[in-house]
Amino acid sequence: MKPAITINNIVKFYGAKSNKTEALSGISFNVNEGELFGIIGPDGAGKTSLFRILTTLLLADEGEATVDGYDVVKYYKEIRKRAGYMPGRFSLYQDLTVEENLEFFATIFNTTIEKNYHLIKDIYIQIEPFKKRKAGKLSGGMKQKLALCCALIHKPSVLFLDEPTTGVDAVSRKEFWEMLKKLKQQNITILVSTPYMDEAGMCDRVALLQSGKILSIDTPDGIIEQFQKDLFAVRSSKMLPLLNDLKICSEVEDAYFFGAYHHVVMKHKNEEQQLKNYLSKYAGDGLEINAIRPNIEDCFMALMKNTE
């Protein structure tokens, strides 16, 4: 399968020469043509730096990258014609209306709204009733849809979406991912970043990124299958003392808050009874212990611990 994006040993530093911080540390991976690929990681992981390099807005200190077969340094003008980019912060003209913003971006790329309307139709019909409203007066979800329309209006072959669902409600997040699945059917390669671990399951493949380093690259199911430890969800009437007791248990590899429960990773297999015996002495009333299947966040936590 032909790669739409190639990234080879990308390194990026920030700060003064005497006190440099490595934002990206030797990042390498490929994104296949027509793939929906996710970059999953918390704030400060290096997601935005990587996106800015790939969209020709920032130069890497080391390494090479291509988009749609074009080197990001030598052929930046070609890439800007072929790439759509939706940055993390809303960056459209807030004093222009929805319709005026879309017309402006179409004009920049020497096209018209009508020519590529088929690409944005399913998205635009949701904001068309507000087409005369100033962009700055839209809700978070509507701003997101408008920004996506503007990134698509020139029919890009590669679409870069940097944390597109941050700060929007759960319904808008769900709708947005449904829109991305439809866009993928148009054979548009999509690279999307998100700090939300639950969104990893929407992607064909994901890269888990932390402190400028890739922890793992695989399908969401493939990453979960790499988790080889026993995992339990535990709770009781005394949650904070319970977590402290779990952290000092010799059979426990890791324990952390997870919603209404603590997730507990065991060092060895088949130690559920040992865990129950241990906690029966300390946990307080209402002790509950359930064996569970890991999710992407559990895998991320385990990979982080293994790289410490």
C-alpha atoms as a PDB file:
ATOM      1  CA  MET A   1       0.000   0.000   0.000  1.00  0.00           C
ATOM      2  CA  LYS A   2       1.331   3.430  -0.995  1.00  0.00           C
ATOM      3  CA  PRO A   3       2.202   5.742   1.919  1.00  0.00           C
ATOM      4  CA  ALA A   4       0.578   9.185   1.831  1.00  0.00           C
ATOM      5  CA  ILE A   5       2.788  10.471   4.676  1.00  0.00           C
ATOM      6  CA  THR A   6       6.314   9.360   5.538  1.00  0.00           C
ATOM      7  CA  ILE A   7       8.154  10.522   8.650  1.00  0.00           C
ATOM      8  CA  ASN A   8      11.766   9.524   9.168  1.00  0.00           C
ATOM      9  CA  ASN A   9      13.631  10.334  12.394  1.00  0.00           C
ATOM     10  CA  ILE A  10      12.047  13.758  12.949  1.00  0.00           C
ATOM     11  CA  VAL A  11      13.625  15.727  15.802  1.00  0.00           C
ATOM     12  CA  LYS A  12      12.498  19.149  16.991  1.00  0.00           C
ATOM     13  CA  PHE A  13      14.032  21.299  19.744  1.00  0.00           C
ATOM     14  CA  TYR A  14      12.578  24.333  21.509  1.00  0.00           C
ATOM     15  CA  GLY A  15      14.175  26.904  23.779  1.00  0.00           C
ATOM     16  CA  ALA A  16      17.547  28.628  24.019  1.00  0.00           C
ATOM     17  CA  LYS A  17      20.735  26.870  22.908  1.00  0.00           C
ATOM     18  CA  SER A  18      21.867  26.488  26.493  1.00  0.00           C
ATOM     19  CA  ASN A  19      18.572  24.977  27.626  1.00  0.00           C
ATOM     20  CA  LYS A  20      16.969  23.099  24.751  1.00  0.00           C
ATOM     21  CA  THR A  21      13.846  20.976  25.171  1.00  0.00           C
ATOM     22  CA  GLU A  22      13.290  18.097  22.779  1.00  0.00           C
ATOM     23  CA  ALA A  23       9.676  18.351  21.590  1.00  0.00           C
ATOM     24  CA  LEU A  24      10.059  15.451  19.143  1.00  0.00           C
ATOM     25  CA  SER A  25      12.661  12.743  19.629  1.00  0.00           C
ATOM     26  CA  GLY A  26      13.366  10.723  16.491  1.00  0.00           C
ATOM     27  CA  ILE A  27       9.762  10.192  15.330  1.00  0.00           C
ATOM     28  CA  SER A  28       9.348   7.696  12.462  1.00  0.00           C
ATOM     29  CA  PHE A  29       6.227   6.150  10.920  1.00  0.00           C
ATOM     30  CA  ASN A  30       4.171   6.014   7.699  1.00  0.00           C
ATOM     31  CA  VAL A  31       0.498   6.726   7.073  1.00  0.00           C
ATOM     32  CA  ASN A  32      -1.050   4.768   4.207  1.00  0.00           C
ATOM     33  CA  GLU A  33      -3.125   6.316   1.447  1.00  0.00           C
ATOM     34  CA  GLY A  34      -6.787   6.494   2.466  1.00  0.00           C
ATOM     35  CA  GLU A  35      -6.024   5.638   6.103  1.00  0.00           C
ATOM     36  CA  LEU A  36      -7.551   7.269   9.179  1.00  0.00           C
ATOM     37  CA  PHE A  37      -4.517   7.468  11.468  1.00  0.00           C
ATOM     38  CA  GLY A  38      -4.621   8.799  15.037  1.00  0.00           C
ATOM     39  CA  ILE A  39      -1.884  10.456  17.091  1.00  0.00           C
ATOM     40  CA  ILE A  40      -2.942   9.857  20.693  1.00  0.00           C
ATOM     41  CA  GLY A  41      -1.267  11.654  23.566  1.00  0.00           C
ATOM     42  CA  PRO A  42      -1.696  14.201  26.380  1.00  0.00           C
ATOM     43  CA  ASP A  43      -0.963  17.922  26.191  1.00  0.00           C
ATOM     44  CA  GLY A  44       2.750  18.519  25.659  1.00  0.00           C
ATOM     45  CA  ALA A  45       3.338  15.162  23.961  1.00  0.00           C
ATOM     46  CA  GLY A  46       4.492  16.813  20.701  1.00  0.00           C
ATOM     47  CA  LYS A  47       1.362  16.388  18.568  1.00  0.00           C
ATOM     48  CA  THR A  48       1.057  20.005  17.410  1.00  0.00           C
ATOM     49  CA  SER A  49       4.786  20.299  16.657  1.00  0.00           C
ATOM     50  CA  LEU A  50       4.551  17.238  14.413  1.00  0.00           C
ATOM     51  CA  PHE A  51       1.472  18.611  12.624  1.00  0.00           C
ATOM     52  CA  ARG A  52       3.144  21.966  12.002  1.00  0.00           C
ATOM     53  CA  ILE A  53       6.164  20.245  10.482  1.00  0.00           C
ATOM     54  CA  LEU A  54       3.994  18.120   8.183  1.00  0.00           C
ATOM     55  CA  THR A  55       1.926  21.119   7.082  1.00  0.00           C
ATOM     56  CA  THR A  56       5.124  23.122   6.283  1.00  0.00           C
ATOM     57  CA  LEU A  57       4.577  25.695   9.053  1.00  0.00           C
ATOM     58  CA  LEU A  58       7.626  24.614  11.063  1.00  0.00           C
ATOM     59  CA  LEU A  59      11.049  23.231  10.185  1.00  0.00           C
ATOM     60  CA  ALA A  60      12.375  20.127  11.924  1.00  0.00           C
ATOM     61  CA  ASP A  61      15.904  20.224  13.330  1.00  0.00           C
ATOM     62  CA  GLU A  62      16.635  16.738  12.038  1.00  0.00           C
ATOM     63  CA  GLY A  63      14.983  14.117   9.866  1.00  0.00           C
ATOM     64  CA  GLU A  64      12.835  14.045   6.744  1.00  0.00           C
ATOM     65  CA  ALA A  65       9.137  13.892   5.948  1.00  0.00           C
ATOM     66  CA  THR A  66       6.948  13.722   2.858  1.00  0.00           C
ATOM     67  CA  VAL A  67       3.277  14.429   2.258  1.00  0.00           C
ATOM     68  CA  ASP A  68       1.634  12.966  -0.848  1.00  0.00           C
ATOM     69  CA  GLY A  69       5.115  12.123  -2.106  1.00  0.00           C
ATOM     70  CA  TYR A  70       6.514  15.654  -1.709  1.00  0.00           C
ATOM     71  CA  ASP A  71       9.316  16.625   0.675  1.00  0.00           C
ATOM     72  CA  VAL A  72       7.975  19.041   3.302  1.00  0.00           C
ATOM     73  CA  VAL A  73      10.949  21.410   2.899  1.00  0.00           C
ATOM     74  CA  LYS A  74      11.725  21.321  -0.830  1.00  0.00           C
ATOM     75  CA  TYR A  75       8.135  21.238  -2.099  1.00  0.00           C
ATOM     76  CA  TYR A  76       6.191  23.122   0.562  1.00  0.00           C
ATOM     77  CA  LYS A  77       4.140  25.011  -2.054  1.00  0.00           C
ATOM     78  CA  GLU A  78       2.883  21.764  -3.589  1.00  0.00           C
ATOM     79  CA  ILE A  79       1.969  20.394  -0.173  1.00  0.00           C
ATOM     80  CA  ARG A  80      -0.022  23.517   0.704  1.00  0.00           C
ATOM     81  CA  LYS A  81      -2.129  22.948  -2.417  1.00  0.00           C
ATOM     82  CA  ARG A  82      -2.777  19.301  -1.550  1.00  0.00           C
ATOM     83  CA  ALA A  83      -3.175  19.386   2.240  1.00  0.00           C
ATOM     84  CA  GLY A  84      -6.102  20.484   4.374  1.00  0.00           C
ATOM     85  CA  TYR A  85      -5.257  21.671   7.891  1.00  0.00           C
ATOM     86  CA  MET A  86      -7.528  22.268  10.862  1.00  0.00           C
ATOM     87  CA  PRO A  87      -5.455  23.578  13.790  1.00  0.00           C
ATOM     88  CA  GLY A  88      -6.308  22.970  17.408  1.00  0.00           C
ATOM     89  CA  ARG A  89      -7.490  26.528  18.040  1.00  0.00           C
ATOM     90  CA  PHE A  90     -10.330  28.020  16.000  1.00  0.00           C
ATOM     91  CA  SER A  91      -8.484  30.200  13.487  1.00  0.00           C
ATOM     92  CA  LEU A  92     -11.114  31.367  11.010  1.00  0.00           C
ATOM     93  CA  TYR A  93     -12.164  35.008  10.663  1.00  0.00           C
ATOM     94  CA  GLN A  94     -14.566  35.563  13.536  1.00  0.00           C
ATOM     95  CA  ASP A  95     -15.943  38.826  12.125  1.00  0.00           C
ATOM     96  CA  LEU A  96     -16.928  37.137   8.837  1.00  0.00           C
ATOM     97  CA  THR A  97     -20.078  35.087   8.470  1.00  0.00           C
ATOM     98  CA  VAL A  98     -20.112  31.325   7.951  1.00  0.00           C
ATOM     99  CA  GLU A  99     -20.762  31.830   4.234  1.00  0.00           C
ATOM    100  CA  GLU A 100     -18.068  34.522   3.875  1.00  0.00           C
ATOM    101  CA  ASN A 101     -15.417  32.347   5.543  1.00  0.00           C
ATOM    102  CA  LEU A 102     -16.154  29.439   3.227  1.00  0.00           C
ATOM    103  CA  GLU A 103     -16.131  31.658   0.131  1.00  0.00           C
ATOM    104  CA  PHE A 104     -12.846  33.232   1.230  1.00  0.00           C
ATOM    105  CA  PHE A 105     -11.050  29.895   1.596  1.00  0.00           C
ATOM    106  CA  ALA A 106     -12.451  28.635  -1.694  1.00  0.00           C
ATOM    107  CA  THR A 107     -11.135  31.759  -3.433  1.00  0.00           C
ATOM    108  CA  ILE A 108      -7.654  31.353  -1.924  1.00  0.00           C
ATOM    109  CA  PHE A 109      -7.392  27.929  -3.560  1.00  0.00           C
ATOM    110  CA  ASN A 110      -8.821  29.132  -6.897  1.00  0.00           C
ATOM    111  CA  THR A 111     -11.953  27.034  -6.604  1.00  0.00           C
ATOM    112  CA  THR A 112     -15.612  27.522  -5.777  1.00  0.00           C
ATOM    113  CA  ILE A 113     -17.960  26.182  -3.130  1.00  0.00           C
ATOM    114  CA  GLU A 114     -20.111  24.614  -5.860  1.00  0.00           C
ATOM    115  CA  LYS A 115     -17.224  22.666  -7.413  1.00  0.00           C
ATOM    116  CA  ASN A 116     -16.408  20.666  -4.260  1.00  0.00           C
ATOM    117  CA  TYR A 117     -19.759  20.934  -2.486  1.00  0.00           C
ATOM    118  CA  HIS A 118     -20.134  17.139  -2.599  1.00  0.00           C
ATOM    119  CA  LEU A 119     -17.228  16.869  -0.128  1.00  0.00           C
ATOM    120  CA  ILE A 120     -18.738  19.160   2.479  1.00  0.00           C
ATOM    121  CA  LYS A 121     -22.468  18.657   1.824  1.00  0.00           C
ATOM    122  CA  ASP A 122     -23.169  16.347   4.798  1.00  0.00           C
ATOM    123  CA  ILE A 123     -21.294  18.724   7.118  1.00  0.00           C
ATOM    124  CA  TYR A 124     -22.445  22.049   5.694  1.00  0.00           C
ATOM    125  CA  ILE A 125     -26.168  21.264   5.795  1.00  0.00           C
ATOM    126  CA  GLN A 126     -25.858  21.231   9.600  1.00  0.00           C
ATOM    127  CA  ILE A 127     -24.537  24.803   9.693  1.00  0.00           C
ATOM    128  CA  GLU A 128     -26.303  26.221   6.624  1.00  0.00           C
ATOM    129  CA  PRO A 129     -29.193  27.622   8.732  1.00  0.00           C
ATOM    130  CA  PHE A 130     -26.559  29.841  10.405  1.00  0.00           C
ATOM    131  CA  LYS A 131     -24.715  30.860   7.219  1.00  0.00           C
ATOM    132  CA  LYS A 132     -25.355  34.584   7.845  1.00  0.00           C
ATOM    133  CA  ARG A 133     -24.106  34.398  11.438  1.00  0.00           C
ATOM    134  CA  LYS A 134     -20.639  35.696  12.354  1.00  0.00           C
ATOM    135  CA  ALA A 135     -18.226  32.800  12.923  1.00  0.00           C
ATOM    136  CA  GLY A 136     -17.274  34.176  16.325  1.00  0.00           C
ATOM    137  CA  LYS A 137     -20.891  33.805  17.493  1.00  0.00           C
ATOM    138  CA  LEU A 138     -21.128  30.080  16.696  1.00  0.00           C
ATOM    139  CA  SER A 139     -21.152  27.324  19.316  1.00  0.00           C
ATOM    140  CA  GLY A 140     -18.057  25.157  19.742  1.00  0.00           C
ATOM    141  CA  GLY A 141     -19.529  22.308  17.702  1.00  0.00           C
ATOM    142  CA  MET A 142     -20.608  24.627  14.872  1.00  0.00           C
ATOM    143  CA  LYS A 143     -17.181  26.286  14.773  1.00  0.00           C
ATOM    144  CA  GLN A 144     -15.657  22.847  14.455  1.00  0.00           C
ATOM    145  CA  LYS A 145     -17.900  21.949  11.499  1.00  0.00           C
ATOM    146  CA  LEU A 146     -17.172  25.252   9.747  1.00  0.00           C
ATOM    147  CA  ALA A 147     -13.421  24.804  10.203  1.00  0.00           C
ATOM    148  CA  LEU A 148     -13.637  21.312   8.706  1.00  0.00           C
ATOM    149  CA  CYS A 149     -15.589  22.641   5.707  1.00  0.00           C
ATOM    150  CA  CYS A 150     -12.929  25.308   5.106  1.00  0.00           C
ATOM    151  CA  ALA A 151     -10.154  22.681   5.331  1.00  0.00           C
ATOM    152  CA  LEU A 152     -11.952  20.527   2.738  1.00  0.00           C
ATOM    153  CA  ILE A 153     -13.192  23.091   0.241  1.00  0.00           C
ATOM    154  CA  HIS A 154     -10.145  22.727  -2.063  1.00  0.00           C
ATOM    155  CA  LYS A 155     -10.460  18.906  -2.107  1.00  0.00           C
ATOM    156  CA  PRO A 156      -7.217  17.973  -0.306  1.00  0.00           C
ATOM    157  CA  SER A 157      -5.668  14.547  -0.719  1.00  0.00           C
ATOM    158  CA  VAL A 158      -4.388  14.619   2.877  1.00  0.00           C
ATOM    159  CA  LEU A 159      -6.291  16.116   5.812  1.00  0.00           C
ATOM    160  CA  PHE A 160      -4.555  17.145   9.064  1.00  0.00           C
ATOM    161  CA  LEU A 161      -6.799  17.626  12.105  1.00  0.00           C
ATOM    162  CA  ASP A 162      -5.026  18.761  15.277  1.00  0.00           C
ATOM    163  CA  GLU A 163      -7.187  17.993  18.340  1.00  0.00           C
ATOM    164  CA  PRO A 164     -10.433  18.781  16.469  1.00  0.00           C
ATOM    165  CA  THR A 165     -12.754  17.610  19.259  1.00  0.00           C
ATOM    166  CA  THR A 166     -11.102  19.317  22.225  1.00  0.00           C
ATOM    167  CA  GLY A 167     -13.543  21.486  24.135  1.00  0.00           C
ATOM    168  CA  VAL A 168     -16.727  20.337  22.387  1.00  0.00           C
ATOM    169  CA  ASP A 169     -19.607  18.364  23.864  1.00  0.00           C
ATOM    170  CA  ALA A 170     -19.922  14.577  23.673  1.00  0.00           C
ATOM    171  CA  VAL A 171     -22.644  14.672  20.992  1.00  0.00           C
ATOM    172  CA  SER A 172     -20.549  16.922  18.730  1.00  0.00           C
ATOM    173  CA  ARG A 173     -17.543  14.649  19.238  1.00  0.00           C
ATOM    174  CA  LYS A 174     -19.558  11.625  18.125  1.00  0.00           C
ATOM    175  CA  GLU A 175     -20.940  13.481  15.089  1.00  0.00           C
ATOM    176  CA  PHE A 176     -17.460  14.642  14.119  1.00  0.00           C
ATOM    177  CA  TRP A 177     -16.027  11.113  14.036  1.00  0.00           C
ATOM    178  CA  GLU A 178     -18.977   9.954  11.967  1.00  0.00           C
ATOM    179  CA  MET A 179     -18.125  12.711   9.470  1.00  0.00           C
ATOM    180  CA  LEU A 180     -14.496  11.540   9.332  1.00  0.00           C
ATOM    181  CA  LYS A 181     -15.589   7.995   8.496  1.00  0.00           C
ATOM    182  CA  LYS A 182     -17.590   9.353   5.545  1.00  0.00           C
ATOM    183  CA  LEU A 183     -14.635  11.442   4.375  1.00  0.00           C
ATOM    184  CA  LYS A 184     -12.422   8.357   4.484  1.00  0.00           C
ATOM    185  CA  GLN A 185     -14.735   6.795   1.882  1.00  0.00           C
ATOM    186  CA  GLN A 186     -13.681   9.630  -0.463  1.00  0.00           C
ATOM    187  CA  ASN A 187     -10.121   8.196  -0.284  1.00  0.00           C
ATOM    188  CA  ILE A 188      -8.849  11.178   1.696  1.00  0.00           C
ATOM    189  CA  THR A 189      -5.947  10.313   3.986  1.00  0.00           C
ATOM    190  CA  ILE A 190      -6.698  11.648   7.469  1.00  0.00           C
ATOM    191  CA  LEU A 191      -4.158  12.272  10.230  1.00  0.00           C
ATOM    192  CA  VAL A 192      -5.913  13.299  13.441  1.00  0.00           C
ATOM    193  CA  SER A 193      -4.543  14.008  16.910  1.00  0.00           C
ATOM    194  CA  THR A 194      -6.457  13.799  20.162  1.00  0.00           C
ATOM    195  CA  PRO A 195      -5.820  13.670  23.916  1.00  0.00           C
ATOM    196  CA  TYR A 196      -8.977  11.553  24.346  1.00  0.00           C
ATOM    197  CA  MET A 197      -7.962   7.907  24.628  1.00  0.00           C
ATOM    198  CA  ASP A 198     -11.487   6.664  23.878  1.00  0.00           C
ATOM    199  CA  GLU A 199     -11.245   8.165  20.361  1.00  0.00           C
ATOM    200  CA  ALA A 200      -8.410   5.810  19.466  1.00  0.00           C
ATOM    201  CA  GLY A 201     -10.940   3.096  18.654  1.00  0.00           C
ATOM    202  CA  MET A 202     -12.290   5.230  15.790  1.00  0.00           C
ATOM    203  CA  CYS A 203      -8.980   5.039  13.885  1.00  0.00           C
ATOM    204  CA  ASP A 204      -7.565   2.399  11.546  1.00  0.00           C
ATOM    205  CA  ARG A 205      -4.204   2.659  13.325  1.00  0.00           C
ATOM    206  CA  VAL A 206      -2.851   4.826  16.123  1.00  0.00           C
ATOM    207  CA  ALA A 207       0.481   6.029  17.427  1.00  0.00           C
ATOM    208  CA  LEU A 208       0.713   6.590  21.182  1.00  0.00           C
ATOM    209  CA  LEU A 209       2.897   9.657  21.768  1.00  0.00           C
ATOM    210  CA  GLN A 210       4.380  10.847  25.048  1.00  0.00           C
ATOM    211  CA  SER A 211       7.135  13.437  25.682  1.00  0.00           C
ATOM    212  CA  GLY A 212       8.072  13.483  22.006  1.00  0.00           C
ATOM    213  CA  LYS A 213       8.514   9.715  21.762  1.00  0.00           C
ATOM    214  CA  ILE A 214       6.323   7.052  20.175  1.00  0.00           C
ATOM    215  CA  LEU A 215       5.380   4.373  22.692  1.00  0.00           C
ATOM    216  CA  SER A 216       3.547   2.083  20.249  1.00  0.00           C
ATOM    217  CA  ILE A 217       2.030   1.993  16.742  1.00  0.00           C
ATOM    218  CA  ASP A 218      -0.674  -0.527  15.841  1.00  0.00           C
ATOM    219  CA  THR A 219      -4.381  -0.969  15.332  1.00  0.00           C
ATOM    220  CA  PRO A 220      -6.411  -0.172  18.479  1.00  0.00           C
ATOM    221  CA  ASP A 221      -7.093  -3.899  18.988  1.00  0.00           C
ATOM    222  CA  GLY A 222      -3.437  -4.706  18.345  1.00  0.00           C
ATOM    223  CA  ILE A 223      -2.304  -2.321  21.075  1.00  0.00           C
ATOM    224  CA  ILE A 224      -4.781  -3.805  23.544  1.00  0.00           C
ATOM    225  CA  GLU A 225      -3.608  -7.332  22.708  1.00  0.00           C
ATOM    226  CA  GLN A 226      -0.064  -6.309  23.723  1.00  0.00           C
ATOM    227  CA  PHE A 227      -1.284  -5.831  27.313  1.00  0.00           C
ATOM    228  CA  GLN A 228      -0.280  -9.125  28.934  1.00  0.00           C
ATOM    229  CA  LYS A 229      -0.949  -8.412  32.623  1.00  0.00           C
ATOM    230  CA  ASP A 230      -4.045  -9.190  34.689  1.00  0.00           C
ATOM    231  CA  LEU A 231      -6.149  -6.051  35.239  1.00  0.00           C
ATOM    232  CA  PHE A 232      -8.805  -5.419  37.887  1.00  0.00           C
ATOM    233  CA  ALA A 233     -11.283  -2.663  38.669  1.00  0.00           C
ATOM    234  CA  VAL A 234     -11.443  -2.164  42.432  1.00  0.00           C
ATOM    235  CA  ARG A 235     -13.497   0.082  44.708  1.00  0.00           C
ATOM    236  CA  SER A 236     -14.639   0.345  48.312  1.00  0.00           C
ATOM    237  CA  SER A 237     -16.065   2.887  50.743  1.00  0.00           C
ATOM    238  CA  LYS A 238     -12.572   4.351  51.358  1.00  0.00           C
ATOM    239  CA  MET A 239     -11.155   5.083  47.912  1.00  0.00           C
ATOM    240  CA  LEU A 240      -8.121   7.206  48.790  1.00  0.00           C
ATOM    241  CA  PRO A 241      -6.794   4.898  51.534  1.00  0.00           C
ATOM    242  CA  LEU A 242      -7.541   1.991  49.189  1.00  0.00           C
ATOM    243  CA  LEU A 243      -5.283   3.478  46.485  1.00  0.00           C
ATOM    244  CA  ASN A 244      -2.482   4.023  48.983  1.00  0.00           C
ATOM    245  CA  ASP A 245      -2.777   0.412  50.157  1.00  0.00           C
ATOM    246  CA  LEU A 246      -2.727  -0.857  46.570  1.00  0.00           C
ATOM    247  CA  LYS A 247       0.439   1.073  45.772  1.00  0.00           C
ATOM    248  CA  ILE A 248       2.388  -0.640  48.574  1.00  0.00           C
ATOM    249  CA  CYS A 249       1.100  -4.150  47.811  1.00  0.00           C
ATOM    250  CA  SER A 250       3.993  -6.367  46.662  1.00  0.00           C
ATOM    251  CA  GLU A 251       1.809  -8.175  44.076  1.00  0.00           C
ATOM    252  CA  VAL A 252       0.622  -4.929  42.425  1.00  0.00           C
ATOM    253  CA  GLU A 253       2.606  -3.426  39.547  1.00  0.00           C
ATOM    254  CA  ASP A 254       0.513  -0.258  39.197  1.00  0.00           C
ATOM    255  CA  ALA A 255      -2.697   1.302  40.515  1.00  0.00           C
ATOM    256  CA  TYR A 256      -4.429   4.520  39.476  1.00  0.00           C
ATOM    257  CA  PHE A 257      -7.770   6.344  39.573  1.00  0.00           C
ATOM    258  CA  PHE A 258     -10.165   5.445  36.758  1.00  0.00           C
ATOM    259  CA  GLY A 259     -13.632   6.976  37.111  1.00  0.00           C
ATOM    260  CA  ALA A 260     -15.492   5.406  40.029  1.00  0.00           C
ATOM    261  CA  TYR A 261     -12.863   2.658  40.342  1.00  0.00           C
ATOM    262  CA  HIS A 262      -9.142   2.148  40.737  1.00  0.00           C
ATOM    263  CA  HIS A 263      -7.514   0.120  37.971  1.00  0.00           C
ATOM    264  CA  VAL A 264      -4.994  -2.365  39.336  1.00  0.00           C
ATOM    265  CA  VAL A 265      -2.301  -4.020  37.225  1.00  0.00           C
ATOM    266  CA  MET A 266      -0.859  -7.191  38.738  1.00  0.00           C
ATOM    267  CA  LYS A 267       2.779  -8.234  38.406  1.00  0.00           C
ATOM    268  CA  HIS A 268       1.914 -11.867  37.696  1.00  0.00           C
ATOM    269  CA  LYS A 269      -0.966 -13.883  36.287  1.00  0.00           C
ATOM    270  CA  ASN A 270      -3.667 -15.572  38.382  1.00  0.00           C
ATOM    271  CA  GLU A 271      -3.228 -13.497  41.551  1.00  0.00           C
ATOM    272  CA  GLU A 272      -6.838 -12.405  42.030  1.00  0.00           C
ATOM    273  CA  GLN A 273      -7.201 -14.361  45.261  1.00  0.00           C
ATOM    274  CA  GLN A 274      -3.995 -12.870  46.674  1.00  0.00           C
ATOM    275  CA  LEU A 275      -5.358  -9.401  45.877  1.00  0.00           C
ATOM    276  CA  LYS A 276      -8.670 -10.188  47.592  1.00  0.00           C
ATOM    277  CA  ASN A 277      -6.907 -11.558  50.669  1.00  0.00           C
ATOM    278  CA  TYR A 278      -4.696  -8.487  50.890  1.00  0.00           C
ATOM    279  CA  LEU A 279      -7.495  -5.935  50.464  1.00  0.00           C
ATOM    280  CA  SER A 280      -9.862  -7.676  52.876  1.00  0.00           C
ATOM    281  CA  LYS A 281      -7.601  -6.404  55.666  1.00  0.00           C
ATOM    282  CA  TYR A 282      -7.484  -2.755  54.536  1.00  0.00           C
ATOM    283  CA  ALA A 283     -10.219  -1.810  52.098  1.00  0.00           C
ATOM    284  CA  GLY A 284     -13.159  -0.957  54.337  1.00  0.00           C
ATOM    285  CA  ASP A 285     -16.808  -1.692  53.529  1.00  0.00           C
ATOM    286  CA  GLY A 286     -18.238  -2.514  50.113  1.00  0.00           C
ATOM    287  CA  LEU A 287     -15.086  -3.988  48.627  1.00  0.00           C
ATOM    288  CA  GLU A 288     -15.585  -4.828  44.947  1.00  0.00           C
ATOM    289  CA  ILE A 289     -12.996  -6.508  42.703  1.00  0.00           C
ATOM    290  CA  ASN A 290     -13.701  -7.241  39.018  1.00  0.00           C
ATOM    291  CA  ALA A 291     -11.384  -8.658  36.357  1.00  0.00           C
ATOM    292  CA  ILE A 292     -11.626  -6.398  33.278  1.00  0.00           C
ATOM    293  CA  ARG A 293     -10.315  -6.092  29.721  1.00  0.00           C
ATOM    294  CA  PRO A 294      -7.822  -3.224  29.280  1.00  0.00           C
ATOM    295  CA  ASN A 295      -8.624  -0.209  27.133  1.00  0.00           C
ATOM    296  CA  ILE A 296      -6.243   2.116  25.260  1.00  0.00           C
ATOM    297  CA  GLU A 297      -5.720   4.292  28.336  1.00  0.00           C
ATOM    298  CA  ASP A 298      -4.621   1.284  30.411  1.00  0.00           C
ATOM    299  CA  CYS A 299      -2.184   0.347  27.646  1.00  0.00           C
ATOM    300  CA  PHE A 300      -0.882   3.928  27.525  1.00  0.00           C
ATOM    301  CA  MET A 301      -0.320   3.953  31.296  1.00  0.00           C
ATOM    302  CA  ALA A 302       1.532   0.625  31.126  1.00  0.00           C
ATOM    303  CA  LEU A 303       3.750   1.785  28.254  1.00  0.00           C
ATOM    304  CA  MET A 304       4.578   5.008  30.103  1.00  0.00           C
ATOM    305  CA  LYS A 305       5.559   3.056  33.212  1.00  0.00           C
ATOM    306  CA  ASN A 306       7.772   0.722  31.171  1.00  0.00           C
ATOM    307  CA  THR A 307       9.685   3.679  29.676  1.00  0.00           C
ATOM    308  CA  GLU A 308      10.314   5.469  32.987  1.00  0.00           C
END
